[in-house]
Amino acid sequence: MRKAEYPYAGAPQRADRALCDLLEGVTRSAAAQLLERGYVTIGKETLQKSRIVKPGETLSVLLPEPENEVPRPQEISLDIRY
């Protein structure tokens, strides 16, 4: 896991929505999962998804390593009929 800090400068809003705004390509449900697992903090406070994030606060996020999404071949049996 890697840790990153993101200063928040947007309008006050729920932590899951604020996290979506800060992290490009992260869906609201993925942001909610990060929050539920305790991977997002402000200072020493672990955030709940309903907590309102205010401008000027800095979110510390533990980002899991991306999963290897390389397709792998599967062995399947095929009956070829002409």
Protein backbone atom coordinates (compact mmCIF):
# COMPACT_ATOMS: atom_id res chain seq x y z
CA MET A 1 0.00 0.00 0.00
CA ARG A 2 1.09 3.53 -0.60
CA LYS A 3 0.06 6.62 1.31
CA ALA A 4 -0.91 9.86 -0.40
CA GLU A 5 -2.17 13.18 0.94
CA TYR A 6 -4.72 15.31 -0.85
CA PRO A 7 -5.64 18.85 0.23
CA TYR A 8 -9.35 19.44 -0.29
CA ALA A 9 -10.40 22.79 -1.79
CA GLY A 10 -13.95 22.07 -2.97
CA ALA A 11 -17.30 22.89 -1.40
CA PRO A 12 -18.18 21.11 1.86
CA GLN A 13 -19.55 17.66 1.06
CA ARG A 14 -19.67 14.04 2.23
CA ALA A 15 -16.34 12.25 2.47
CA ASP A 16 -17.21 9.67 -0.21
CA ARG A 17 -18.10 12.40 -2.74
CA ALA A 18 -15.04 14.49 -1.81
CA LEU A 19 -12.81 11.45 -2.30
CA CYS A 20 -14.29 10.89 -5.77
CA ASP A 21 -13.44 14.48 -6.66
CA LEU A 22 -9.85 14.10 -5.45
CA LEU A 23 -9.03 10.69 -6.91
CA GLU A 24 -9.40 10.53 -10.66
CA GLY A 25 -11.14 7.41 -11.90
CA VAL A 26 -12.44 6.34 -8.48
CA THR A 27 -16.17 5.61 -8.30
CA ARG A 28 -18.26 6.63 -5.33
CA SER A 29 -18.70 2.98 -4.31
CA ALA A 30 -14.92 2.42 -4.46
CA ALA A 31 -14.43 5.56 -2.35
CA ALA A 32 -16.99 4.22 0.13
CA GLN A 33 -15.03 0.95 0.37
CA LEU A 34 -11.80 2.83 1.12
CA LEU A 35 -13.62 4.74 3.85
CA GLU A 36 -15.25 1.61 5.33
CA ARG A 37 -11.87 -0.15 5.52
CA GLY A 38 -10.39 2.80 7.43
CA TYR A 39 -7.96 3.80 4.67
CA VAL A 40 -8.90 7.51 4.76
CA THR A 41 -8.07 9.88 7.61
CA ILE A 42 -7.91 13.57 8.40
CA GLY A 43 -5.23 13.98 11.04
CA LYS A 44 -5.83 11.03 13.36
CA GLU A 45 -9.56 10.82 12.66
CA THR A 46 -10.66 7.86 10.54
CA LEU A 47 -13.42 9.12 8.29
CA GLN A 48 -16.90 7.74 7.88
CA LYS A 49 -18.48 8.23 4.47
CA SER A 50 -21.13 10.57 5.88
CA ARG A 51 -18.62 12.95 7.49
CA ILE A 52 -18.58 16.40 5.87
CA VAL A 53 -15.16 17.36 4.47
CA LYS A 54 -14.46 21.10 4.50
CA PRO A 55 -12.13 23.19 2.34
CA GLY A 56 -8.61 23.34 3.76
CA GLU A 57 -8.67 19.84 5.26
CA THR A 58 -6.09 17.33 4.04
CA LEU A 59 -7.15 13.74 3.43
CA SER A 60 -4.55 11.02 3.96
CA VAL A 61 -5.37 7.98 1.86
CA LEU A 62 -3.81 4.51 1.92
CA LEU A 63 -4.10 3.32 -1.65
CA PRO A 64 -3.98 -0.43 -2.28
CA GLU A 65 -1.68 -1.62 -5.01
CA PRO A 66 -3.51 -2.09 -8.31
CA GLU A 67 -4.46 -5.66 -9.05
CA ASN A 68 -2.80 -7.33 -12.00
CA GLU A 69 -5.53 -7.31 -14.62
CA VAL A 70 -3.67 -9.13 -17.36
CA PRO A 71 -5.99 -11.63 -19.06
CA ARG A 72 -4.93 -15.22 -18.62
CA PRO A 73 -5.84 -18.04 -21.00
CA GLN A 74 -8.22 -20.68 -19.74
CA GLU A 75 -8.13 -24.28 -20.81
CA ILE A 76 -11.53 -25.32 -22.08
CA SER A 77 -12.63 -28.35 -23.97
CA LEU A 78 -14.48 -27.79 -27.21
CA ASP A 79 -16.32 -30.28 -29.33
CA ILE A 80 -15.93 -29.11 -32.91
CA ARG A 81 -18.57 -30.50 -35.22
CA TYR A 82 -18.81 -29.89 -38.92
